[in-house]
Amino acid sequence: MAEAERIKNSAYIEWAKTRSQARFSLATSGVMHYPMADLMVRLEDIELSGPSLYGYQPLQQALAAKSGVSTENVVAAAGTSMANFLAMATILEPGDEVLIERPAYDPLVSTAAYLGAIVNRFERRFEDGFRIDPAAVERAVTNRTRLIVITNMHNPSSALVDTETLRQIGEIATRTGARVLVDEVYLEALFRKPPPSAFHLGNEFVTTTSLTKAYGLSGLRCGWILAEAELAKKMWRLNDLFGNIPAHPAERLSVIALRDLDMIAARAIGLLEKNRPILDQFLDSREDLSVVRPGFGTVVAPRLNRGNVDELCALLREKYETSVVPGKFFQMPEHIRIGIGCDSEMLAAGLERLSAALDELGRRA
């Protein structure tokens, strides 16, 4: 069913900024912040201003090298959120149809609606492990569809979309004259064997990502878009209306971070490898939760088999000083999202409190 309402905010982002904080927060989706002291930055490495016009060339070159593309295919942006906004705003006109996965990250849907697009949906079913069925995409596409939007890995479940499925989605888009936007910010969390960006499958693909989620570098706001050259140029020109000149110290720091990314990744790998067994032990103990376990990523999205999610989240926050993300922000009200990128002791303590809240909720039933 189409969603034509003109939205001017993101309910999820407002909640994340004002209601997600807790003594034991399991509501974050990325790896805990990387400390500035570990970046090995010298004061002389930083300047307040520099040649940041249509891209700071050292950063453009570093991003292009990381992505295996030409610099003309890279559009730097202030995080993945701004990258997604620029991509959508460049591709879509008011009244265009956009087809977005469900469940989906709320700002993807809200951004399309804000831009005046008609939002249609296709399902990624829990019962199918949140995989994408290309046939479901094809059934939902119309001759007015101008953009198909997915996340890979999926937010909120961390399910991975395989290359063949992506290729089939690209073929569907090509037949209808649409493009495919793939938010790949969580794909970075595969670390050792990441698949190539979907951008390499063809010019119908536009991809977005950043250093925020997998590396704990959210403060740098180092995001980027991969797009064919002419479309990338339009994105740079559109950004003149929004970002104009980025913060140059952040650009300089991003170049340093990209230089040392293997070291930064090693810290994230160690943390997630320590935390995943803690999560698995918790999930193994809960018959009141059903969950897809990809075995990678920074988040999972369990379904509550008994009771009410809003009641659980309120009890968890008010009595147990712990937060998770209510699934209503992903159009899945029977689910919660749990992040495992936090400190291991916090994760263990938060999951212990989540167990206590689930037990209490069960006794009320």
Foldseek 3Di string as FASTA:
>chain_A
DWDQAQFDDAPQVVCVVPPQDFPQGQADFFAAADDPVVLPDDPVLFDQDDPFFQHDVLLLVLVCVVQVHDSLQKGKDLAQLRVLLLLLLLQDAAAFEEEEEFLAQRSNVNSCSNRNHIYHYFYQDVVNLSEDDLVSVLVGDDLRYAEYEAEALHPPARNHYDLVSLLSNCVSCVVSNHAYEYEDAQLCQVPPDRDRDSVVSDQSYKYKYACPGQQNHSVLSTMMMGHPNVSSVSSSVVCCVPCRGDRRRSSSSVSSCSVVVNVSNVVSVVQCVLQPVLVVVLVVVDPQWDWNCPPTGFKTKIFGNDDFQVVLQVCCCPPVRYHWAQCVSSVRRRITMGGRSYGNVSSNSRSVSSVVSSVVRVVVD
